[in-house]
Amino acid sequence: MGYRVEYYSMNRFIEKISLAKLDGTLLKVINHIERNDLVIFDDFGLQPLDNNSRLALLQVLEDCYQRKSVIVTSLLPVAKWYDYIAEPTLADAIMDRLTANASRIELKGESMRHKNKK
């Protein structure tokens, strides 16, 4: 359909941001992510966010806000996301951008991975 999509497991996103910070390509990486029509962050909340990852996530969400689409998947209940982000000021900003115009879909039931094993 011609849409540009970028997918990141949060573990890979955190790793990519850390490496980009070290080699001086952080701005290039963030600009690359922001060029997409849709950005997907999978498994939000599994690995702790460092400060660089929090700031990069905020930058991506800020630049995508009301112009692009973002999907976040998580096994961590939304009520615990603020604590997961851990830095109060950045948590406020990130949660504001994630929830302001969000559609929330909560899935219930057995995991598809478990169902497919049967």
PDB file of N, CA and C in Angstrom:
ATOM      1  N   MET A   1       0.816  -1.199   0.000  1.00  0.00           N
ATOM      2  CA  MET A   1       0.000   0.000   0.000  1.00  0.00           C
ATOM      3  C   MET A   1       0.863   1.269   0.000  1.00  0.00           C
ATOM      4  N   GLY A   2       2.157   1.090   0.028  1.00  0.00           N
ATOM      5  CA  GLY A   2       3.037   2.236  -0.083  1.00  0.00           C
ATOM      6  C   GLY A   2       3.392   2.926   1.225  1.00  0.00           C
ATOM      7  N   TYR A   3       2.940   2.405   2.344  1.00  0.00           N
ATOM      8  CA  TYR A   3       3.273   3.005   3.635  1.00  0.00           C
ATOM      9  C   TYR A   3       4.634   2.507   4.107  1.00  0.00           C
ATOM     10  N   ARG A   4       5.392   3.411   4.682  1.00  0.00           N
ATOM     11  CA  ARG A   4       6.696   3.043   5.254  1.00  0.00           C
ATOM     12  C   ARG A   4       6.495   2.697   6.723  1.00  0.00           C
ATOM     13  N   VAL A   5       6.983   1.526   7.108  1.00  0.00           N
ATOM     14  CA  VAL A   5       6.794   1.034   8.471  1.00  0.00           C
ATOM     15  C   VAL A   5       8.142   0.613   9.043  1.00  0.00           C
ATOM     16  N   GLU A   6       8.364   0.948  10.285  1.00  0.00           N
ATOM     17  CA  GLU A   6       9.576   0.537  11.003  1.00  0.00           C
ATOM     18  C   GLU A   6       9.140  -0.217  12.255  1.00  0.00           C
ATOM     19  N   TYR A   7       9.680  -1.413  12.458  1.00  0.00           N
ATOM     20  CA  TYR A   7       9.354  -2.252  13.604  1.00  0.00           C
ATOM     21  C   TYR A   7      10.576  -2.378  14.501  1.00  0.00           C
ATOM     22  N   TYR A   8      10.364  -2.211  15.807  1.00  0.00           N
ATOM     23  CA  TYR A   8      11.430  -2.427  16.788  1.00  0.00           C
ATOM     24  C   TYR A   8      10.890  -3.195  17.969  1.00  0.00           C
ATOM     25  N   SER A   9      11.561  -4.277  18.342  1.00  0.00           N
ATOM     26  CA  SER A   9      11.332  -4.790  19.686  1.00  0.00           C
ATOM     27  C   SER A   9      12.038  -3.764  20.575  1.00  0.00           C
ATOM     28  N   MET A  10      11.517  -3.501  21.734  1.00  0.00           N
ATOM     29  CA  MET A  10      12.129  -2.477  22.589  1.00  0.00           C
ATOM     30  C   MET A  10      13.570  -2.831  22.930  1.00  0.00           C
ATOM     31  N   ASN A  11      13.875  -4.112  23.062  1.00  0.00           N
ATOM     32  CA  ASN A  11      15.265  -4.511  23.327  1.00  0.00           C
ATOM     33  C   ASN A  11      16.180  -4.049  22.197  1.00  0.00           C
ATOM     34  N   ARG A  12      15.752  -4.246  20.964  1.00  0.00           N
ATOM     35  CA  ARG A  12      16.550  -3.815  19.803  1.00  0.00           C
ATOM     36  C   ARG A  12      16.610  -2.288  19.705  1.00  0.00           C
ATOM     37  N   PHE A  13      15.497  -1.619  20.009  1.00  0.00           N
ATOM     38  CA  PHE A  13      15.477  -0.160  19.977  1.00  0.00           C
ATOM     39  C   PHE A  13      16.492   0.399  20.973  1.00  0.00           C
ATOM     40  N   ILE A  14      16.469  -0.112  22.205  1.00  0.00           N
ATOM     41  CA  ILE A  14      17.395   0.353  23.241  1.00  0.00           C
ATOM     42  C   ILE A  14      18.839   0.098  22.807  1.00  0.00           C
ATOM     43  N   GLU A  15      19.088  -1.076  22.252  1.00  0.00           N
ATOM     44  CA  GLU A  15      20.428  -1.418  21.765  1.00  0.00           C
ATOM     45  C   GLU A  15      20.849  -0.488  20.625  1.00  0.00           C
ATOM     46  N   LYS A  16      19.962  -0.254  19.684  1.00  0.00           N
ATOM     47  CA  LYS A  16      20.268   0.613  18.535  1.00  0.00           C
ATOM     48  C   LYS A  16      20.575   2.039  18.993  1.00  0.00           C
ATOM     49  N   ILE A  17      19.792   2.552  19.945  1.00  0.00           N
ATOM     50  CA  ILE A  17      20.011   3.903  20.456  1.00  0.00           C
ATOM     51  C   ILE A  17      21.351   3.986  21.189  1.00  0.00           C
ATOM     52  N   SER A  18      21.662   2.980  21.987  1.00  0.00           N
ATOM     53  CA  SER A  18      22.941   2.969  22.712  1.00  0.00           C
ATOM     54  C   SER A  18      24.122   2.977  21.756  1.00  0.00           C
ATOM     55  N   LEU A  19      24.061   2.132  20.728  1.00  0.00           N
ATOM     56  CA  LEU A  19      25.150   2.082  19.751  1.00  0.00           C
ATOM     57  C   LEU A  19      25.256   3.378  18.949  1.00  0.00           C
ATOM     58  N   ALA A  20      24.111   3.936  18.579  1.00  0.00           N
ATOM     59  CA  ALA A  20      24.113   5.195  17.822  1.00  0.00           C
ATOM     60  C   ALA A  20      24.688   6.336  18.652  1.00  0.00           C
ATOM     61  N   LYS A  21      24.410   6.339  19.938  1.00  0.00           N
ATOM     62  CA  LYS A  21      24.963   7.369  20.822  1.00  0.00           C
ATOM     63  C   LYS A  21      26.485   7.245  20.867  1.00  0.00           C
ATOM     64  N   LEU A  22      26.963   6.009  20.940  1.00  0.00           N
ATOM     65  CA  LEU A  22      28.407   5.777  21.012  1.00  0.00           C
ATOM     66  C   LEU A  22      29.133   6.162  19.727  1.00  0.00           C
ATOM     67  N   ASP A  23      28.518   5.843  18.577  1.00  0.00           N
ATOM     68  CA  ASP A  23      29.224   6.129  17.324  1.00  0.00           C
ATOM     69  C   ASP A  23      28.844   7.464  16.684  1.00  0.00           C
ATOM     70  N   GLY A  24      28.041   8.270  17.390  1.00  0.00           N
ATOM     71  CA  GLY A  24      27.729   9.615  16.915  1.00  0.00           C
ATOM     72  C   GLY A  24      26.658   9.697  15.841  1.00  0.00           C
ATOM     73  N   THR A  25      25.873   8.631  15.668  1.00  0.00           N
ATOM     74  CA  THR A  25      24.841   8.626  14.623  1.00  0.00           C
ATOM     75  C   THR A  25      23.423   8.712  15.193  1.00  0.00           C
ATOM     76  N   LEU A  26      23.274   9.129  16.434  1.00  0.00           N
ATOM     77  CA  LEU A  26      21.963   9.130  17.081  1.00  0.00           C
ATOM     78  C   LEU A  26      20.946   9.961  16.305  1.00  0.00           C
ATOM     79  N   LEU A  27      21.297  11.148  15.912  1.00  0.00           N
ATOM     80  CA  LEU A  27      20.368  12.001  15.167  1.00  0.00           C
ATOM     81  C   LEU A  27      19.967  11.349  13.845  1.00  0.00           C
ATOM     82  N   LYS A  28      20.909  10.724  13.169  1.00  0.00           N
ATOM     83  CA  LYS A  28      20.623  10.030  11.915  1.00  0.00           C
ATOM     84  C   LYS A  28      19.635   8.885  12.142  1.00  0.00           C
ATOM     85  N   VAL A  29      19.821   8.124  13.213  1.00  0.00           N
ATOM     86  CA  VAL A  29      18.923   7.007  13.531  1.00  0.00           C
ATOM     87  C   VAL A  29      17.517   7.518  13.832  1.00  0.00           C
ATOM     88  N   ILE A  30      17.421   8.561  14.648  1.00  0.00           N
ATOM     89  CA  ILE A  30      16.111   9.125  14.995  1.00  0.00           C
ATOM     90  C   ILE A  30      15.423   9.668  13.742  1.00  0.00           C
ATOM     91  N   ASN A  31      16.162  10.366  12.894  1.00  0.00           N
ATOM     92  CA  ASN A  31      15.581  10.889  11.646  1.00  0.00           C
ATOM     93  C   ASN A  31      15.088   9.758  10.746  1.00  0.00           C
ATOM     94  N   HIS A  32      15.831   8.662  10.709  1.00  0.00           N
ATOM     95  CA  HIS A  32      15.415   7.506   9.909  1.00  0.00           C
ATOM     96  C   HIS A  32      14.085   6.942  10.434  1.00  0.00           C
ATOM     97  N   ILE A  33      13.966   6.801  11.730  1.00  0.00           N
ATOM     98  CA  ILE A  33      12.739   6.276  12.342  1.00  0.00           C
ATOM     99  C   ILE A  33      11.559   7.189  12.026  1.00  0.00           C
ATOM    100  N   GLU A  34      11.767   8.474  12.130  1.00  0.00           N
ATOM    101  CA  GLU A  34      10.687   9.453  11.968  1.00  0.00           C
ATOM    102  C   GLU A  34      10.195   9.572  10.528  1.00  0.00           C
ATOM    103  N   ARG A  35      10.956   9.096   9.563  1.00  0.00           N
ATOM    104  CA  ARG A  35      10.529   9.180   8.165  1.00  0.00           C
ATOM    105  C   ARG A  35       9.412   8.190   7.827  1.00  0.00           C
ATOM    106  N   ASN A  36       9.140   7.276   8.723  1.00  0.00           N
ATOM    107  CA  ASN A  36       8.139   6.241   8.479  1.00  0.00           C
ATOM    108  C   ASN A  36       6.729   6.740   8.759  1.00  0.00           C
ATOM    109  N   ASP A  37       5.761   6.130   8.091  1.00  0.00           N
ATOM    110  CA  ASP A  37       4.356   6.449   8.327  1.00  0.00           C
ATOM    111  C   ASP A  37       3.851   5.792   9.608  1.00  0.00           C
ATOM    112  N   LEU A  38       4.448   4.663   9.947  1.00  0.00           N
ATOM    113  CA  LEU A  38       4.068   3.904  11.136  1.00  0.00           C
ATOM    114  C   LEU A  38       5.328   3.391  11.808  1.00  0.00           C
ATOM    115  N   VAL A  39       5.410   3.563  13.124  1.00  0.00           N
ATOM    116  CA  VAL A  39       6.510   3.015  13.916  1.00  0.00           C
ATOM    117  C   VAL A  39       5.889   2.083  14.951  1.00  0.00           C
ATOM    118  N   ILE A  40       6.406   0.874  15.028  1.00  0.00           N
ATOM    119  CA  ILE A  40       5.895  -0.111  15.974  1.00  0.00           C
ATOM    120  C   ILE A  40       6.978  -0.399  17.013  1.00  0.00           C
ATOM    121  N   PHE A  41       6.605  -0.256  18.279  1.00  0.00           N
ATOM    122  CA  PHE A  41       7.471  -0.624  19.397  1.00  0.00           C
ATOM    123  C   PHE A  41       6.829  -1.828  20.078  1.00  0.00           C
ATOM    124  N   ASP A  42       7.494  -2.958  19.991  1.00  0.00           N
ATOM    125  CA  ASP A  42       6.967  -4.215  20.520  1.00  0.00           C
ATOM    126  C   ASP A  42       7.655  -4.547  21.841  1.00  0.00           C
ATOM    127  N   ASP A  43       6.928  -5.207  22.720  1.00  0.00           N
ATOM    128  CA  ASP A  43       7.450  -5.650  24.022  1.00  0.00           C
ATOM    129  C   ASP A  43       7.926  -4.493  24.896  1.00  0.00           C
ATOM    130  N   PHE A  44       7.161  -3.414  24.903  1.00  0.00           N
ATOM    131  CA  PHE A  44       7.440  -2.259  25.760  1.00  0.00           C
ATOM    132  C   PHE A  44       7.416  -2.712  27.209  1.00  0.00           C
ATOM    133  N   GLY A  45       8.463  -2.413  27.945  1.00  0.00           N
ATOM    134  CA  GLY A  45       8.498  -2.712  29.375  1.00  0.00           C
ATOM    135  C   GLY A  45       9.298  -3.931  29.771  1.00  0.00           C
ATOM    136  N   LEU A  46       9.909  -4.621  28.823  1.00  0.00           N
ATOM    137  CA  LEU A  46      10.670  -5.819  29.174  1.00  0.00           C
ATOM    138  C   LEU A  46      12.078  -5.517  29.657  1.00  0.00           C
ATOM    139  N   GLN A  47      12.689  -4.499  29.100  1.00  0.00           N
ATOM    140  CA  GLN A  47      14.069  -4.137  29.447  1.00  0.00           C
ATOM    141  C   GLN A  47      14.076  -2.707  29.959  1.00  0.00           C
ATOM    142  N   PRO A  48      14.836  -2.431  31.024  1.00  0.00           N
ATOM    143  CA  PRO A  48      14.869  -1.057  31.543  1.00  0.00           C
ATOM    144  C   PRO A  48      15.345  -0.057  30.494  1.00  0.00           C
ATOM    145  N   LEU A  49      14.741   1.121  30.522  1.00  0.00           N
ATOM    146  CA  LEU A  49      15.152   2.198  29.624  1.00  0.00           C
ATOM    147  C   LEU A  49      16.280   2.992  30.270  1.00  0.00           C
ATOM    148  N   ASP A  50      17.334   3.244  29.525  1.00  0.00           N
ATOM    149  CA  ASP A  50      18.352   4.167  30.014  1.00  0.00           C
ATOM    150  C   ASP A  50      17.944   5.579  29.582  1.00  0.00           C
ATOM    151  N   ASN A  51      18.662   6.568  30.050  1.00  0.00           N
ATOM    152  CA  ASN A  51      18.277   7.950  29.770  1.00  0.00           C
ATOM    153  C   ASN A  51      18.296   8.263  28.273  1.00  0.00           C
ATOM    154  N   ASN A  52      19.292   7.758  27.550  1.00  0.00           N
ATOM    155  CA  ASN A  52      19.354   8.003  26.096  1.00  0.00           C
ATOM    156  C   ASN A  52      18.138   7.410  25.387  1.00  0.00           C
ATOM    157  N   SER A  53      17.716   6.230  25.807  1.00  0.00           N
ATOM    158  CA  SER A  53      16.545   5.585  25.194  1.00  0.00           C
ATOM    159  C   SER A  53      15.270   6.342  25.515  1.00  0.00           C
ATOM    160  N   ARG A  54      15.149   6.818  26.746  1.00  0.00           N
ATOM    161  CA  ARG A  54      13.969   7.617  27.112  1.00  0.00           C
ATOM    162  C   ARG A  54      13.900   8.885  26.263  1.00  0.00           C
ATOM    163  N   LEU A  55      15.030   9.573  26.139  1.00  0.00           N
ATOM    164  CA  LEU A  55      15.060  10.806  25.354  1.00  0.00           C
ATOM    165  C   LEU A  55      14.789  10.538  23.876  1.00  0.00           C
ATOM    166  N   ALA A  56      15.356   9.461  23.332  1.00  0.00           N
ATOM    167  CA  ALA A  56      15.123   9.122  21.930  1.00  0.00           C
ATOM    168  C   ALA A  56      13.663   8.746  21.702  1.00  0.00           C
ATOM    169  N   LEU A  57      13.084   7.970  22.611  1.00  0.00           N
ATOM    170  CA  LEU A  57      11.679   7.602  22.498  1.00  0.00           C
ATOM    171  C   LEU A  57      10.801   8.852  22.535  1.00  0.00           C
ATOM    172  N   LEU A  58      11.080   9.762  23.444  1.00  0.00           N
ATOM    173  CA  LEU A  58      10.329  11.010  23.514  1.00  0.00           C
ATOM    174  C   LEU A  58      10.460  11.796  22.213  1.00  0.00           C
ATOM    175  N   GLN A  59      11.652  11.869  21.666  1.00  0.00           N
ATOM    176  CA  GLN A  59      11.872  12.605  20.409  1.00  0.00           C
ATOM    177  C   GLN A  59      11.058  12.008  19.269  1.00  0.00           C
ATOM    178  N   VAL A  60      11.077  10.674  19.158  1.00  0.00           N
ATOM    179  CA  VAL A  60      10.314  10.008  18.105  1.00  0.00           C
ATOM    180  C   VAL A  60       8.820  10.271  18.288  1.00  0.00           C
ATOM    181  N   LEU A  61       8.329  10.112  19.521  1.00  0.00           N
ATOM    182  CA  LEU A  61       6.905  10.331  19.786  1.00  0.00           C
ATOM    183  C   LEU A  61       6.502  11.778  19.543  1.00  0.00           C
ATOM    184  N   GLU A  62       7.362  12.694  19.912  1.00  0.00           N
ATOM    185  CA  GLU A  62       7.083  14.119  19.702  1.00  0.00           C
ATOM    186  C   GLU A  62       6.992  14.436  18.205  1.00  0.00           C
ATOM    187  N   ASP A  63       7.933  13.925  17.441  1.00  0.00           N
ATOM    188  CA  ASP A  63       7.945  14.218  16.012  1.00  0.00           C
ATOM    189  C   ASP A  63       6.834  13.497  15.250  1.00  0.00           C
ATOM    190  N   CYS A  64       6.378  12.376  15.770  1.00  0.00           N
ATOM    191  CA  CYS A  64       5.292  11.631  15.122  1.00  0.00           C
ATOM    192  C   CYS A  64       3.917  12.114  15.566  1.00  0.00           C
ATOM    193  N   TYR A  65       3.841  12.821  16.669  1.00  0.00           N
ATOM    194  CA  TYR A  65       2.576  13.207  17.268  1.00  0.00           C
ATOM    195  C   TYR A  65       1.657  13.909  16.268  1.00  0.00           C
ATOM    196  N   GLN A  66       0.486  13.364  16.074  1.00  0.00           N
ATOM    197  CA  GLN A  66      -0.571  13.869  15.199  1.00  0.00           C
ATOM    198  C   GLN A  66      -0.188  13.933  13.720  1.00  0.00           C
ATOM    199  N   ARG A  67       0.941  13.362  13.350  1.00  0.00           N
ATOM    200  CA  ARG A  67       1.349  13.361  11.947  1.00  0.00           C
ATOM    201  C   ARG A  67       1.610  11.952  11.433  1.00  0.00           C
ATOM    202  N   LYS A  68       2.005  11.072  12.317  1.00  0.00           N
ATOM    203  CA  LYS A  68       2.357   9.692  11.969  1.00  0.00           C
ATOM    204  C   LYS A  68       1.652   8.769  12.963  1.00  0.00           C
ATOM    205  N   SER A  69       1.740   7.483  12.713  1.00  0.00           N
ATOM    206  CA  SER A  69       1.123   6.505  13.611  1.00  0.00           C
ATOM    207  C   SER A  69       2.192   5.744  14.381  1.00  0.00           C
ATOM    208  N   VAL A  70       1.870   5.431  15.622  1.00  0.00           N
ATOM    209  CA  VAL A  70       2.756   4.664  16.486  1.00  0.00           C
ATOM    210  C   VAL A  70       1.921   3.567  17.130  1.00  0.00           C
ATOM    211  N   ILE A  71       2.445   2.348  17.108  1.00  0.00           N
ATOM    212  CA  ILE A  71       1.824   1.232  17.811  1.00  0.00           C
ATOM    213  C   ILE A  71       2.796   0.774  18.877  1.00  0.00           C
ATOM    214  N   VAL A  72       2.278   0.598  20.088  1.00  0.00           N
ATOM    215  CA  VAL A  72       3.074   0.082  21.193  1.00  0.00           C
ATOM    216  C   VAL A  72       2.386  -1.174  21.696  1.00  0.00           C
ATOM    217  N   THR A  73       3.134  -2.267  21.763  1.00  0.00           N
ATOM    218  CA  THR A  73       2.589  -3.487  22.344  1.00  0.00           C
ATOM    219  C   THR A  73       3.346  -3.781  23.628  1.00  0.00           C
ATOM    220  N   SER A  74       2.630  -4.354  24.589  1.00  0.00           N
ATOM    221  CA  SER A  74       3.261  -4.603  25.877  1.00  0.00           C
ATOM    222  C   SER A  74       2.494  -5.652  26.654  1.00  0.00           C
ATOM    223  N   LEU A  75       3.220  -6.458  27.387  1.00  0.00           N
ATOM    224  CA  LEU A  75       2.610  -7.347  28.364  1.00  0.00           C
ATOM    225  C   LEU A  75       2.489  -6.646  29.713  1.00  0.00           C
ATOM    226  N   LEU A  76       3.195  -5.535  29.863  1.00  0.00           N
ATOM    227  CA  LEU A  76       3.153  -4.740  31.082  1.00  0.00           C
ATOM    228  C   LEU A  76       1.875  -3.913  31.087  1.00  0.00           C
ATOM    229  N   PRO A  77       1.083  -3.986  32.145  1.00  0.00           N
ATOM    230  CA  PRO A  77      -0.149  -3.180  32.186  1.00  0.00           C
ATOM    231  C   PRO A  77       0.157  -1.688  32.033  1.00  0.00           C
ATOM    232  N   VAL A  78      -0.688  -0.997  31.302  1.00  0.00           N
ATOM    233  CA  VAL A  78      -0.486   0.436  31.041  1.00  0.00           C
ATOM    234  C   VAL A  78      -0.319   1.209  32.348  1.00  0.00           C
ATOM    235  N   ALA A  79      -1.011   0.810  33.388  1.00  0.00           N
ATOM    236  CA  ALA A  79      -0.910   1.486  34.680  1.00  0.00           C
ATOM    237  C   ALA A  79       0.511   1.460  35.242  1.00  0.00           C
ATOM    238  N   LYS A  80       1.360   0.558  34.755  1.00  0.00           N
ATOM    239  CA  LYS A  80       2.742   0.456  35.249  1.00  0.00           C
ATOM    240  C   LYS A  80       3.762   1.097  34.310  1.00  0.00           C
ATOM    241  N   TRP A  81       3.304   1.625  33.176  1.00  0.00           N
ATOM    242  CA  TRP A  81       4.237   2.218  32.225  1.00  0.00           C
ATOM    243  C   TRP A  81       4.969   3.418  32.797  1.00  0.00           C
ATOM    244  N   TYR A  82       4.283   4.235  33.562  1.00  0.00           N
ATOM    245  CA  TYR A  82       4.910   5.422  34.157  1.00  0.00           C
ATOM    246  C   TYR A  82       6.097   4.995  35.022  1.00  0.00           C
ATOM    247  N   ASP A  83       5.883   3.987  35.867  1.00  0.00           N
ATOM    248  CA  ASP A  83       6.969   3.497  36.722  1.00  0.00           C
ATOM    249  C   ASP A  83       8.087   2.865  35.899  1.00  0.00           C
ATOM    250  N   TYR A  84       7.730   2.198  34.809  1.00  0.00           N
ATOM    251  CA  TYR A  84       8.735   1.590  33.936  1.00  0.00           C
ATOM    252  C   TYR A  84       9.638   2.661  33.317  1.00  0.00           C
ATOM    253  N   ILE A  85       9.054   3.759  32.888  1.00  0.00           N
ATOM    254  CA  ILE A  85       9.848   4.836  32.276  1.00  0.00           C
ATOM    255  C   ILE A  85      10.806   5.426  33.305  1.00  0.00           C
ATOM    256  N   ALA A  86      10.348   5.501  34.557  1.00  0.00           N
ATOM    257  CA  ALA A  86      11.194   5.749  35.734  1.00  0.00           C
ATOM    258  C   ALA A  86      11.611   7.193  35.985  1.00  0.00           C
ATOM    259  N   GLU A  87      11.776   8.010  35.019  1.00  0.00           N
ATOM    260  CA  GLU A  87      12.169   9.413  35.222  1.00  0.00           C
ATOM    261  C   GLU A  87      10.885  10.237  35.132  1.00  0.00           C
ATOM    262  N   PRO A  88      10.422  10.826  36.244  1.00  0.00           N
ATOM    263  CA  PRO A  88       9.091  11.448  36.285  1.00  0.00           C
ATOM    264  C   PRO A  88       8.796  12.479  35.195  1.00  0.00           C
ATOM    265  N   THR A  89       9.705  13.382  34.917  1.00  0.00           N
ATOM    266  CA  THR A  89       9.441  14.412  33.920  1.00  0.00           C
ATOM    267  C   THR A  89       9.327  13.803  32.523  1.00  0.00           C
ATOM    268  N   LEU A  90      10.253  12.916  32.191  1.00  0.00           N
ATOM    269  CA  LEU A  90      10.196  12.254  30.890  1.00  0.00           C
ATOM    270  C   LEU A  90       9.005  11.305  30.809  1.00  0.00           C
ATOM    271  N   ALA A  91       8.669  10.652  31.912  1.00  0.00           N
ATOM    272  CA  ALA A  91       7.503   9.762  31.928  1.00  0.00           C
ATOM    273  C   ALA A  91       6.227  10.551  31.639  1.00  0.00           C
ATOM    274  N   ASP A  92       6.098  11.728  32.246  1.00  0.00           N
ATOM    275  CA  ASP A  92       4.938  12.585  31.968  1.00  0.00           C
ATOM    276  C   ASP A  92       4.855  12.926  30.483  1.00  0.00           C
ATOM    277  N   ALA A  93       5.971  13.333  29.912  1.00  0.00           N
ATOM    278  CA  ALA A  93       5.991  13.744  28.502  1.00  0.00           C
ATOM    279  C   ALA A  93       5.721  12.556  27.580  1.00  0.00           C
ATOM    280  N   ILE A  94       6.355  11.427  27.830  1.00  0.00           N
ATOM    281  CA  ILE A  94       6.163  10.239  26.991  1.00  0.00           C
ATOM    282  C   ILE A  94       4.730   9.742  27.086  1.00  0.00           C
ATOM    283  N   MET A  95       4.223   9.626  28.304  1.00  0.00           N
ATOM    284  CA  MET A  95       2.851   9.129  28.488  1.00  0.00           C
ATOM    285  C   MET A  95       1.832  10.082  27.876  1.00  0.00           C
ATOM    286  N   ASP A  96       2.094  11.378  27.948  1.00  0.00           N
ATOM    287  CA  ASP A  96       1.185  12.351  27.338  1.00  0.00           C
ATOM    288  C   ASP A  96       1.089  12.123  25.836  1.00  0.00           C
ATOM    289  N   ARG A  97       2.225  11.927  25.186  1.00  0.00           N
ATOM    290  CA  ARG A  97       2.216  11.735  23.739  1.00  0.00           C
ATOM    291  C   ARG A  97       1.663  10.365  23.344  1.00  0.00           C
ATOM    292  N   LEU A  98       1.880   9.380  24.196  1.00  0.00           N
ATOM    293  CA  LEU A  98       1.355   8.047  23.897  1.00  0.00           C
ATOM    294  C   LEU A  98      -0.156   7.947  24.083  1.00  0.00           C
ATOM    295  N   THR A  99      -0.696   8.686  25.026  1.00  0.00           N
ATOM    296  CA  THR A  99      -2.105   8.496  25.377  1.00  0.00           C
ATOM    297  C   THR A  99      -3.051   9.584  24.882  1.00  0.00           C
ATOM    298  N   ALA A 100      -2.552  10.724  24.444  1.00  0.00           N
ATOM    299  CA  ALA A 100      -3.415  11.861  24.103  1.00  0.00           C
ATOM    300  C   ALA A 100      -4.440  11.525  23.021  1.00  0.00           C
ATOM    301  N   ASN A 101      -4.046  10.874  21.976  1.00  0.00           N
ATOM    302  CA  ASN A 101      -4.954  10.534  20.880  1.00  0.00           C
ATOM    303  C   ASN A 101      -4.959   9.034  20.615  1.00  0.00           C
ATOM    304  N   ALA A 102      -4.760   8.258  21.675  1.00  0.00           N
ATOM    305  CA  ALA A 102      -4.576   6.815  21.515  1.00  0.00           C
ATOM    306  C   ALA A 102      -5.881   6.048  21.435  1.00  0.00           C
ATOM    307  N   SER A 103      -5.823   4.978  20.700  1.00  0.00           N
ATOM    308  CA  SER A 103      -6.859   3.955  20.742  1.00  0.00           C
ATOM    309  C   SER A 103      -6.221   2.770  21.453  1.00  0.00           C
ATOM    310  N   ARG A 104      -6.836   2.328  22.509  1.00  0.00           N
ATOM    311  CA  ARG A 104      -6.262   1.256  23.321  1.00  0.00           C
ATOM    312  C   ARG A 104      -7.033  -0.028  23.070  1.00  0.00           C
ATOM    313  N   ILE A 105      -6.292  -1.071  22.761  1.00  0.00           N
ATOM    314  CA  ILE A 105      -6.884  -2.381  22.539  1.00  0.00           C
ATOM    315  C   ILE A 105      -6.239  -3.337  23.533  1.00  0.00           C
ATOM    316  N   GLU A 106      -7.032  -3.879  24.411  1.00  0.00           N
ATOM    317  CA  GLU A 106      -6.518  -4.827  25.393  1.00  0.00           C
ATOM    318  C   GLU A 106      -7.001  -6.216  25.014  1.00  0.00           C
ATOM    319  N   LEU A 107      -6.040  -7.085  24.743  1.00  0.00           N
ATOM    320  CA  LEU A 107      -6.365  -8.442  24.339  1.00  0.00           C
ATOM    321  C   LEU A 107      -6.433  -9.333  25.572  1.00  0.00           C
ATOM    322  N   LYS A 108      -7.376 -10.221  25.566  1.00  0.00           N
ATOM    323  CA  LYS A 108      -7.523 -11.171  26.672  1.00  0.00           C
ATOM    324  C   LYS A 108      -7.506 -12.568  26.094  1.00  0.00           C
ATOM    325  N   GLY A 109      -7.188 -13.512  26.923  1.00  0.00           N
ATOM    326  CA  GLY A 109      -7.199 -14.895  26.484  1.00  0.00           C
ATOM    327  C   GLY A 109      -5.801 -15.453  26.371  1.00  0.00           C
ATOM    328  N   GLU A 110      -5.766 -16.667  25.889  1.00  0.00           N
ATOM    329  CA  GLU A 110      -4.515 -17.395  25.778  1.00  0.00           C
ATOM    330  C   GLU A 110      -3.661 -16.835  24.638  1.00  0.00           C
ATOM    331  N   SER A 111      -2.365 -16.879  24.818  1.00  0.00           N
ATOM    332  CA  SER A 111      -1.420 -16.424  23.811  1.00  0.00           C
ATOM    333  C   SER A 111      -1.571 -17.257  22.537  1.00  0.00           C
ATOM    334  N   MET A 112      -1.460 -16.605  21.388  1.00  0.00           N
ATOM    335  CA  MET A 112      -1.514 -17.316  20.109  1.00  0.00           C
ATOM    336  C   MET A 112      -0.348 -18.308  20.001  1.00  0.00           C
ATOM    337  N   ARG A 113       0.766 -18.001  20.618  1.00  0.00           N
ATOM    338  CA  ARG A 113       1.910 -18.922  20.598  1.00  0.00           C
ATOM    339  C   ARG A 113       1.544 -20.221  21.300  1.00  0.00           C
ATOM    340  N   HIS A 114       0.816 -20.108  22.395  1.00  0.00           N
ATOM    341  CA  HIS A 114       0.387 -21.313  23.112  1.00  0.00           C
ATOM    342  C   HIS A 114      -0.667 -22.068  22.321  1.00  0.00           C
ATOM    343  N   LYS A 115      -1.579 -21.359  21.713  1.00  0.00           N
ATOM    344  CA  LYS A 115      -2.636 -22.003  20.924  1.00  0.00           C
ATOM    345  C   LYS A 115      -2.065 -22.752  19.732  1.00  0.00           C
ATOM    346  N   ASN A 116      -1.057 -22.176  19.100  1.00  0.00           N
ATOM    347  CA  ASN A 116      -0.464 -22.800  17.911  1.00  0.00           C
ATOM    348  C   ASN A 116       0.345 -24.054  18.240  1.00  0.00           C
ATOM    349  N   LYS A 117       0.776 -24.201  19.505  1.00  0.00           N
ATOM    350  CA  LYS A 117       1.542 -25.379  19.909  1.00  0.00           C
ATOM    351  C   LYS A 117       0.643 -26.601  20.047  1.00  0.00           C
ATOM    352  N   LYS A 118      -0.632 -26.383  20.290  1.00  0.00           N
ATOM    353  CA  LYS A 118      -1.548 -27.504  20.532  1.00  0.00           C
ATOM    354  C   LYS A 118      -1.856 -28.277  19.291  1.00  0.00           C
TER     355      LYS A 118
END
